Amino acid sequence: MLVYFQDLRVFYREVIPVSSATNRLHPRRHQSYQVLLLHGKSYTSQNWEDIGTLSILAGLGHRAVALDLPGYGKSEKDATKKMNASLFLMEVIEKLDLRNSLVIVSPSMSGTYSLPFLVDHPERVKGYVPVAPVETEKYISKFSKIFVSIHNFFGIILCMLN
């Protein structure tokens, strides 16, 4: 599927929650999240599908969106290379209606996008799952002002890793 940031075409994959009536393995006994899955430099949204993360999250009752960041996978490259990463994520989140109980999973290179957004809009994020994100040194002084819970989401990450 496609969403546009200014004139830039951005590809994403989306799964919606499996209802508890049809999901006997994981009946909904927990809060439902909207999970934004970013990727590292050597990967794309396809990897989240290939390793089963998208279907696991849907099976656990969560809406999940895996994004191909600009210049990766099926997304267009930002020709100007002057994109405001925080504004980019904000607009994508708005256009995809990822407004409630948003959890961002951010491995490696995607820290270039997630960290500025987290610093600029901590109130928009219910949880943040950093996986060795780059550019942490740029934002470390601002982390003490941000309180984002990830403890409720931690069990889901463990399920994905097992």
N, C-alpha and C. Protein backbone atom coordinates (compact mmCIF):
# COMPACT_ATOMS: atom_id res chain seq x y z
N MET A 1 0.84 -1.16 0.00
CA MET A 1 0.00 0.00 0.00
C MET A 1 0.89 1.25 0.00
N LEU A 2 0.32 2.36 -0.39
CA LEU A 2 1.10 3.58 -0.50
C LEU A 2 0.49 4.72 0.30
N VAL A 3 1.37 5.55 0.83
CA VAL A 3 0.99 6.81 1.46
C VAL A 3 1.98 7.84 0.92
N TYR A 4 1.57 9.10 0.89
CA TYR A 4 2.46 10.13 0.35
C TYR A 4 2.90 11.10 1.44
N PHE A 5 4.18 11.41 1.44
CA PHE A 5 4.74 12.46 2.28
C PHE A 5 5.19 13.54 1.33
N GLN A 6 4.49 14.66 1.36
CA GLN A 6 4.68 15.70 0.35
C GLN A 6 4.51 15.03 -1.00
N ASP A 7 5.52 14.98 -1.86
CA ASP A 7 5.37 14.30 -3.16
C ASP A 7 6.07 12.95 -3.19
N LEU A 8 6.52 12.49 -2.04
CA LEU A 8 7.29 11.26 -1.95
C LEU A 8 6.37 10.07 -1.70
N ARG A 9 6.48 9.05 -2.56
CA ARG A 9 5.68 7.83 -2.42
C ARG A 9 6.34 6.91 -1.39
N VAL A 10 5.57 6.53 -0.36
CA VAL A 10 6.09 5.69 0.73
C VAL A 10 5.24 4.43 0.80
N PHE A 11 5.92 3.28 0.73
CA PHE A 11 5.24 1.99 0.76
C PHE A 11 5.15 1.47 2.19
N TYR A 12 4.04 0.80 2.48
CA TYR A 12 3.90 0.16 3.80
C TYR A 12 3.06 -1.11 3.68
N ARG A 13 3.25 -1.99 4.65
CA ARG A 13 2.45 -3.21 4.80
C ARG A 13 1.66 -3.07 6.08
N GLU A 14 0.44 -3.55 6.07
CA GLU A 14 -0.40 -3.39 7.25
C GLU A 14 -1.17 -4.67 7.54
N VAL A 15 -1.28 -4.98 8.83
CA VAL A 15 -2.15 -6.07 9.27
C VAL A 15 -3.07 -5.52 10.34
N ILE A 16 -4.28 -6.04 10.34
CA ILE A 16 -5.24 -5.62 11.35
C ILE A 16 -5.39 -6.74 12.37
N PRO A 17 -5.83 -6.41 13.57
CA PRO A 17 -5.93 -7.42 14.62
C PRO A 17 -6.89 -8.55 14.26
N VAL A 18 -6.51 -9.74 14.68
CA VAL A 18 -7.38 -10.90 14.58
C VAL A 18 -8.33 -10.82 15.77
N SER A 19 -9.61 -10.99 15.55
CA SER A 19 -10.56 -10.88 16.66
C SER A 19 -10.36 -12.02 17.65
N SER A 20 -10.65 -11.77 18.90
CA SER A 20 -10.46 -12.79 19.93
C SER A 20 -11.39 -13.97 19.72
N ALA A 21 -12.49 -13.77 19.01
CA ALA A 21 -13.41 -14.87 18.75
C ALA A 21 -12.79 -15.92 17.83
N THR A 22 -11.92 -15.48 16.93
CA THR A 22 -11.30 -16.42 15.99
C THR A 22 -9.89 -16.81 16.41
N ASN A 23 -9.37 -16.17 17.43
CA ASN A 23 -8.00 -16.43 17.86
C ASN A 23 -8.01 -17.14 19.21
N ARG A 24 -7.95 -18.44 19.19
CA ARG A 24 -8.01 -19.21 20.43
C ARG A 24 -6.68 -19.27 21.16
N LEU A 25 -5.59 -19.07 20.43
CA LEU A 25 -4.28 -19.13 21.07
C LEU A 25 -4.00 -17.92 21.93
N HIS A 26 -4.42 -16.77 21.50
CA HIS A 26 -4.13 -15.52 22.21
C HIS A 26 -5.39 -14.69 22.36
N PRO A 27 -6.33 -15.10 23.23
CA PRO A 27 -7.52 -14.25 23.42
C PRO A 27 -7.11 -12.90 23.97
N ARG A 28 -7.81 -11.86 23.59
CA ARG A 28 -7.44 -10.50 24.02
C ARG A 28 -7.71 -10.31 25.49
N ARG A 29 -6.64 -10.29 26.26
CA ARG A 29 -6.72 -10.01 27.68
C ARG A 29 -5.85 -8.82 28.02
N HIS A 30 -5.44 -8.10 27.02
CA HIS A 30 -4.49 -7.00 27.19
C HIS A 30 -4.90 -5.83 26.31
N GLN A 31 -4.22 -4.73 26.51
CA GLN A 31 -4.48 -3.55 25.71
C GLN A 31 -4.04 -3.79 24.27
N SER A 32 -4.78 -3.24 23.35
CA SER A 32 -4.42 -3.34 21.94
C SER A 32 -3.54 -2.15 21.56
N TYR A 33 -2.47 -2.41 20.84
CA TYR A 33 -1.55 -1.37 20.40
C TYR A 33 -1.59 -1.21 18.89
N GLN A 34 -1.12 -0.07 18.44
CA GLN A 34 -0.85 0.15 17.03
C GLN A 34 0.67 0.22 16.94
N VAL A 35 1.25 -0.69 16.20
CA VAL A 35 2.70 -0.85 16.19
C VAL A 35 3.25 -0.40 14.84
N LEU A 36 4.19 0.54 14.90
CA LEU A 36 4.88 1.00 13.70
C LEU A 36 6.26 0.36 13.68
N LEU A 37 6.47 -0.49 12.69
CA LEU A 37 7.73 -1.21 12.54
C LEU A 37 8.60 -0.53 11.49
N LEU A 38 9.73 -0.03 11.93
CA LEU A 38 10.70 0.58 11.02
C LEU A 38 11.76 -0.48 10.71
N HIS A 39 12.79 -0.14 9.98
CA HIS A 39 13.80 -1.15 9.61
C HIS A 39 15.19 -0.53 9.57
N GLY A 40 16.19 -1.39 9.56
CA GLY A 40 17.58 -0.97 9.47
C GLY A 40 18.01 -0.80 8.02
N LYS A 41 19.27 -0.44 7.84
CA LYS A 41 19.81 -0.10 6.51
C LYS A 41 19.77 -1.26 5.52
N SER A 42 19.98 -2.47 5.98
CA SER A 42 20.03 -3.62 5.08
C SER A 42 18.69 -4.32 4.91
N TYR A 43 17.61 -3.71 5.41
CA TYR A 43 16.32 -4.39 5.42
C TYR A 43 15.22 -3.51 4.87
N THR A 44 14.01 -4.07 4.79
CA THR A 44 12.81 -3.35 4.35
C THR A 44 11.63 -3.88 5.16
N SER A 45 10.45 -3.39 4.84
CA SER A 45 9.24 -3.88 5.49
C SER A 45 9.00 -5.36 5.20
N GLN A 46 9.52 -5.83 4.09
CA GLN A 46 9.37 -7.24 3.71
C GLN A 46 9.91 -8.17 4.80
N ASN A 47 10.99 -7.76 5.46
CA ASN A 47 11.58 -8.60 6.49
C ASN A 47 10.63 -8.85 7.65
N TRP A 48 9.85 -7.83 8.05
CA TRP A 48 8.89 -8.01 9.14
C TRP A 48 7.83 -9.04 8.75
N GLU A 49 7.49 -9.09 7.48
CA GLU A 49 6.54 -10.09 7.01
C GLU A 49 7.20 -11.47 6.95
N ASP A 50 8.41 -11.53 6.41
CA ASP A 50 9.11 -12.80 6.24
C ASP A 50 9.37 -13.53 7.56
N ILE A 51 9.70 -12.78 8.61
CA ILE A 51 10.00 -13.45 9.89
C ILE A 51 8.75 -13.65 10.75
N GLY A 52 7.60 -13.21 10.22
CA GLY A 52 6.34 -13.49 10.89
C GLY A 52 5.87 -12.46 11.90
N THR A 53 6.60 -11.39 12.05
CA THR A 53 6.25 -10.38 13.06
C THR A 53 4.88 -9.77 12.80
N LEU A 54 4.58 -9.44 11.56
CA LEU A 54 3.29 -8.83 11.24
C LEU A 54 2.14 -9.75 11.63
N SER A 55 2.22 -11.01 11.24
CA SER A 55 1.12 -11.93 11.55
C SER A 55 1.04 -12.23 13.05
N ILE A 56 2.17 -12.28 13.73
CA ILE A 56 2.14 -12.50 15.19
C ILE A 56 1.45 -11.33 15.88
N LEU A 57 1.81 -10.11 15.51
CA LEU A 57 1.18 -8.94 16.13
C LEU A 57 -0.32 -8.91 15.87
N ALA A 58 -0.74 -9.22 14.65
CA ALA A 58 -2.17 -9.26 14.35
C ALA A 58 -2.85 -10.36 15.17
N GLY A 59 -2.19 -11.50 15.28
CA GLY A 59 -2.74 -12.61 16.06
C GLY A 59 -2.86 -12.30 17.54
N LEU A 60 -2.01 -11.40 18.02
CA LEU A 60 -2.07 -10.98 19.42
C LEU A 60 -3.04 -9.82 19.64
N GLY A 61 -3.69 -9.38 18.56
CA GLY A 61 -4.71 -8.35 18.68
C GLY A 61 -4.24 -6.94 18.43
N HIS A 62 -3.11 -6.78 17.76
CA HIS A 62 -2.56 -5.45 17.51
C HIS A 62 -2.60 -5.12 16.02
N ARG A 63 -2.81 -3.86 15.72
CA ARG A 63 -2.66 -3.37 14.35
C ARG A 63 -1.18 -3.08 14.16
N ALA A 64 -0.61 -3.52 13.05
CA ALA A 64 0.81 -3.30 12.80
C ALA A 64 1.02 -2.76 11.39
N VAL A 65 1.92 -1.79 11.30
CA VAL A 65 2.29 -1.19 10.02
C VAL A 65 3.80 -1.25 9.91
N ALA A 66 4.29 -1.88 8.85
CA ALA A 66 5.72 -1.94 8.56
C ALA A 66 5.98 -1.00 7.38
N LEU A 67 6.85 -0.06 7.61
CA LEU A 67 7.11 1.01 6.65
C LEU A 67 8.41 0.76 5.90
N ASP A 68 8.41 1.02 4.59
CA ASP A 68 9.66 1.11 3.84
C ASP A 68 10.10 2.57 3.92
N LEU A 69 11.16 2.83 4.63
CA LEU A 69 11.64 4.21 4.76
C LEU A 69 12.09 4.74 3.40
N PRO A 70 12.13 6.05 3.22
CA PRO A 70 12.49 6.63 1.92
C PRO A 70 13.83 6.08 1.39
N GLY A 71 13.79 5.64 0.14
CA GLY A 71 14.99 5.09 -0.49
C GLY A 71 15.18 3.60 -0.28
N TYR A 72 14.26 2.95 0.41
CA TYR A 72 14.36 1.52 0.70
C TYR A 72 13.11 0.79 0.22
N GLY A 73 13.31 -0.48 -0.14
CA GLY A 73 12.18 -1.30 -0.56
C GLY A 73 11.44 -0.66 -1.71
N LYS A 74 10.13 -0.51 -1.54
CA LYS A 74 9.28 0.03 -2.61
C LYS A 74 8.98 1.51 -2.45
N SER A 75 9.67 2.18 -1.52
CA SER A 75 9.48 3.62 -1.34
C SER A 75 10.45 4.41 -2.21
N GLU A 76 10.01 5.59 -2.62
CA GLU A 76 10.88 6.46 -3.40
C GLU A 76 11.97 7.06 -2.53
N LYS A 77 13.06 7.41 -3.17
CA LYS A 77 14.16 8.07 -2.48
C LYS A 77 13.91 9.57 -2.41
N ASP A 78 14.24 10.16 -1.27
CA ASP A 78 14.12 11.62 -1.12
C ASP A 78 15.27 12.27 -1.91
N ALA A 79 14.92 12.89 -3.01
CA ALA A 79 15.93 13.47 -3.90
C ALA A 79 16.67 14.64 -3.24
N THR A 80 16.02 15.37 -2.35
CA THR A 80 16.64 16.54 -1.75
C THR A 80 17.58 16.18 -0.60
N LYS A 81 17.34 15.04 0.04
CA LYS A 81 18.11 14.59 1.21
C LYS A 81 18.07 15.60 2.35
N LYS A 82 17.05 16.46 2.36
CA LYS A 82 16.90 17.44 3.43
C LYS A 82 15.59 17.23 4.16
N MET A 83 15.12 16.00 4.17
CA MET A 83 13.85 15.69 4.81
C MET A 83 13.93 15.87 6.32
N ASN A 84 12.90 16.45 6.88
CA ASN A 84 12.77 16.54 8.33
C ASN A 84 12.20 15.20 8.80
N ALA A 85 13.02 14.39 9.45
CA ALA A 85 12.63 13.03 9.82
C ALA A 85 11.45 13.01 10.79
N SER A 86 11.43 13.93 11.74
CA SER A 86 10.33 13.99 12.69
C SER A 86 9.02 14.34 12.00
N LEU A 87 9.07 15.33 11.11
CA LEU A 87 7.88 15.72 10.35
C LEU A 87 7.42 14.58 9.45
N PHE A 88 8.37 13.88 8.84
CA PHE A 88 8.03 12.73 8.00
C PHE A 88 7.24 11.70 8.79
N LEU A 89 7.75 11.28 9.95
CA LEU A 89 7.04 10.27 10.74
C LEU A 89 5.70 10.80 11.23
N MET A 90 5.65 12.06 11.64
CA MET A 90 4.38 12.63 12.10
C MET A 90 3.33 12.57 11.01
N GLU A 91 3.69 12.95 9.80
CA GLU A 91 2.73 12.95 8.71
C GLU A 91 2.29 11.53 8.35
N VAL A 92 3.23 10.60 8.32
CA VAL A 92 2.88 9.21 8.02
C VAL A 92 1.95 8.66 9.10
N ILE A 93 2.27 8.93 10.34
CA ILE A 93 1.44 8.47 11.47
C ILE A 93 0.03 9.05 11.36
N GLU A 94 -0.06 10.31 11.02
CA GLU A 94 -1.37 10.96 10.86
C GLU A 94 -2.14 10.34 9.69
N LYS A 95 -1.49 10.21 8.55
CA LYS A 95 -2.17 9.69 7.36
C LYS A 95 -2.62 8.25 7.54
N LEU A 96 -1.87 7.47 8.31
CA LEU A 96 -2.23 6.07 8.54
C LEU A 96 -3.10 5.91 9.79
N ASP A 97 -3.45 7.01 10.41
CA ASP A 97 -4.30 7.03 11.60
C ASP A 97 -3.74 6.13 12.71
N LEU A 98 -2.45 6.28 12.96
CA LEU A 98 -1.77 5.56 14.04
C LEU A 98 -1.68 6.49 15.26
N ARG A 99 -2.82 6.83 15.83
CA ARG A 99 -2.84 7.87 16.85
C ARG A 99 -2.96 7.35 18.27
N ASN A 100 -3.55 6.20 18.45
CA ASN A 100 -3.80 5.73 19.81
C ASN A 100 -2.90 4.55 20.15
N SER A 101 -2.34 4.59 21.34
CA SER A 101 -1.50 3.50 21.84
C SER A 101 -0.44 3.09 20.83
N LEU A 102 0.29 4.08 20.32
CA LEU A 102 1.32 3.84 19.31
C LEU A 102 2.61 3.35 19.96
N VAL A 103 3.12 2.25 19.43
CA VAL A 103 4.42 1.72 19.82
C VAL A 103 5.29 1.73 18.58
N ILE A 104 6.49 2.29 18.70
CA ILE A 104 7.43 2.34 17.58
C ILE A 104 8.56 1.35 17.85
N VAL A 105 8.79 0.45 16.90
CA VAL A 105 9.91 -0.48 16.96
C VAL A 105 10.94 0.04 15.97
N SER A 106 12.13 0.35 16.49
CA SER A 106 13.12 1.07 15.69
C SER A 106 14.50 0.43 15.75
N PRO A 107 14.81 -0.43 14.79
CA PRO A 107 16.16 -0.99 14.75
C PRO A 107 17.14 -0.12 13.96
N SER A 108 18.36 -0.08 14.44
CA SER A 108 19.50 0.42 13.69
C SER A 108 19.28 1.79 13.04
N MET A 109 19.44 1.86 11.73
CA MET A 109 19.39 3.10 10.97
C MET A 109 18.08 3.85 11.16
N SER A 110 17.02 3.18 11.50
CA SER A 110 15.73 3.86 11.64
C SER A 110 15.70 4.82 12.83
N GLY A 111 16.71 4.75 13.70
CA GLY A 111 16.83 5.74 14.76
C GLY A 111 16.94 7.15 14.22
N THR A 112 17.42 7.29 13.00
CA THR A 112 17.51 8.58 12.33
C THR A 112 16.12 9.22 12.22
N TYR A 113 15.09 8.38 12.14
CA TYR A 113 13.71 8.85 12.04
C TYR A 113 13.01 8.84 13.39
N SER A 114 13.15 7.74 14.13
CA SER A 114 12.37 7.58 15.36
C SER A 114 12.83 8.48 16.50
N LEU A 115 14.12 8.67 16.65
CA LEU A 115 14.61 9.48 17.78
C LEU A 115 14.19 10.94 17.68
N PRO A 116 14.32 11.61 16.53
CA PRO A 116 13.82 12.99 16.46
C PRO A 116 12.32 13.07 16.73
N PHE A 117 11.57 12.09 16.22
CA PHE A 117 10.13 12.08 16.45
C PHE A 117 9.82 11.90 17.94
N LEU A 118 10.51 10.99 18.58
CA LEU A 118 10.29 10.73 20.00
C LEU A 118 10.62 11.96 20.85
N VAL A 119 11.69 12.65 20.51
CA VAL A 119 12.07 13.86 21.24
C VAL A 119 11.05 14.99 20.99
N ASP A 120 10.59 15.13 19.75
CA ASP A 120 9.65 16.20 19.41
C ASP A 120 8.22 15.92 19.86
N HIS A 121 7.83 14.64 19.91
CA HIS A 121 6.43 14.29 20.18
C HIS A 121 6.30 13.12 21.15
N PRO A 122 6.89 13.19 22.32
CA PRO A 122 6.81 12.04 23.24
C PRO A 122 5.38 11.71 23.66
N GLU A 123 4.51 12.70 23.63
CA GLU A 123 3.11 12.48 24.02
C GLU A 123 2.36 11.61 23.02
N ARG A 124 2.90 11.45 21.82
CA ARG A 124 2.25 10.65 20.78
C ARG A 124 2.61 9.17 20.85
N VAL A 125 3.59 8.83 21.69
CA VAL A 125 4.13 7.47 21.71
C VAL A 125 3.83 6.80 23.05
N LYS A 126 3.16 5.67 22.98
CA LYS A 126 2.86 4.89 24.19
C LYS A 126 4.06 4.03 24.58
N GLY A 127 4.80 3.55 23.58
CA GLY A 127 5.96 2.72 23.84
C GLY A 127 6.99 2.85 22.74
N TYR A 128 8.21 2.64 23.12
CA TYR A 128 9.32 2.73 22.15
C TYR A 128 10.22 1.52 22.38
N VAL A 129 10.48 0.78 21.31
CA VAL A 129 11.34 -0.39 21.39
C VAL A 129 12.57 -0.13 20.52
N PRO A 130 13.62 0.41 21.13
CA PRO A 130 14.84 0.67 20.37
C PRO A 130 15.66 -0.62 20.25
N VAL A 131 16.14 -0.87 19.05
CA VAL A 131 17.01 -2.02 18.81
C VAL A 131 18.30 -1.47 18.23
N ALA A 132 19.18 -1.02 19.11
CA ALA A 132 20.46 -0.41 18.73
C ALA A 132 20.27 0.71 17.70
N PRO A 133 19.40 1.69 17.98
CA PRO A 133 19.20 2.75 16.99
C PRO A 133 20.42 3.66 16.88
N VAL A 134 20.69 4.08 15.66
CA VAL A 134 21.80 5.01 15.43
C VAL A 134 21.40 6.40 15.89
N GLU A 135 22.40 7.26 16.07
CA GLU A 135 22.25 8.67 16.42
C GLU A 135 21.76 8.92 17.84
N THR A 136 21.86 7.92 18.71
CA THR A 136 21.45 8.13 20.10
C THR A 136 22.28 9.23 20.76
N GLU A 137 23.53 9.37 20.35
CA GLU A 137 24.39 10.39 20.96
C GLU A 137 23.86 11.81 20.74
N LYS A 138 23.12 12.02 19.65
CA LYS A 138 22.55 13.34 19.37
C LYS A 138 21.41 13.70 20.33
N TYR A 139 20.76 12.67 20.87
CA TYR A 139 19.54 12.90 21.64
C TYR A 139 19.64 12.50 23.11
N ILE A 140 20.77 11.94 23.52
CA ILE A 140 20.89 11.40 24.87
C ILE A 140 20.61 12.44 25.95
N SER A 141 20.98 13.68 25.74
CA SER A 141 20.74 14.72 26.74
C SER A 141 19.25 15.03 26.90
N LYS A 142 18.45 14.68 25.90
CA LYS A 142 17.01 14.95 25.95
C LYS A 142 16.20 13.77 26.47
N PHE A 143 16.83 12.60 26.61
CA PHE A 143 16.11 11.41 27.03
C PHE A 143 15.52 11.53 28.42
N SER A 144 16.17 12.25 29.31
CA SER A 144 15.68 12.35 30.69
C SER A 144 14.34 13.10 30.76
N LYS A 145 14.00 13.85 29.74
CA LYS A 145 12.74 14.59 29.71
C LYS A 145 11.61 13.78 29.09
N ILE A 146 11.93 12.59 28.60
CA ILE A 146 10.94 11.77 27.91
C ILE A 146 10.61 10.57 28.79
N PHE A 147 9.33 10.35 28.99
CA PHE A 147 8.91 9.15 29.69
C PHE A 147 7.96 8.38 28.79
N VAL A 148 8.43 7.28 28.27
CA VAL A 148 7.62 6.43 27.41
C VAL A 148 7.73 5.02 27.95
N SER A 149 6.59 4.43 28.20
CA SER A 149 6.57 3.08 28.76
C SER A 149 6.73 2.03 27.68
N ILE A 150 7.54 1.03 27.95
CA ILE A 150 7.61 -0.11 27.04
C ILE A 150 7.38 -1.42 27.78
N HIS A 151 7.17 -1.36 29.09
CA HIS A 151 7.06 -2.61 29.83
C HIS A 151 5.85 -3.44 29.43
N ASN A 152 4.74 -2.82 29.03
CA ASN A 152 3.57 -3.58 28.62
C ASN A 152 3.78 -4.29 27.30
N PHE A 153 4.65 -3.78 26.50
CA PHE A 153 4.90 -4.33 25.17
C PHE A 153 6.01 -5.37 25.18
N PHE A 154 6.79 -5.41 26.24
CA PHE A 154 7.97 -6.25 26.31
C PHE A 154 7.65 -7.73 26.09
N GLY A 155 6.56 -8.21 26.66
CA GLY A 155 6.18 -9.61 26.50
C GLY A 155 5.91 -9.97 25.05
N ILE A 156 5.35 -9.04 24.30
CA ILE A 156 5.07 -9.30 22.89
C ILE A 156 6.38 -9.44 22.12
N ILE A 157 7.34 -8.61 22.44
CA ILE A 157 8.64 -8.72 21.77
C ILE A 157 9.27 -10.06 22.08
N LEU A 158 9.17 -10.52 23.31
CA LEU A 158 9.71 -11.83 23.66
C LEU A 158 9.02 -12.93 22.88
N CYS A 159 7.71 -12.82 22.68
CA CYS A 159 7.00 -13.83 21.89
C CYS A 159 7.53 -13.88 20.47
N MET A 160 7.86 -12.71 19.92
CA MET A 160 8.37 -12.67 18.57
C MET A 160 9.76 -13.29 18.47
N LEU A 161 10.53 -13.17 19.53
CA LEU A 161 11.89 -13.69 19.50
C LEU A 161 11.95 -15.19 19.73
N ASN A 162 10.94 -15.75 20.37
CA ASN A 162 10.94 -17.20 20.65
C ASN A 162 10.47 -18.00 19.48
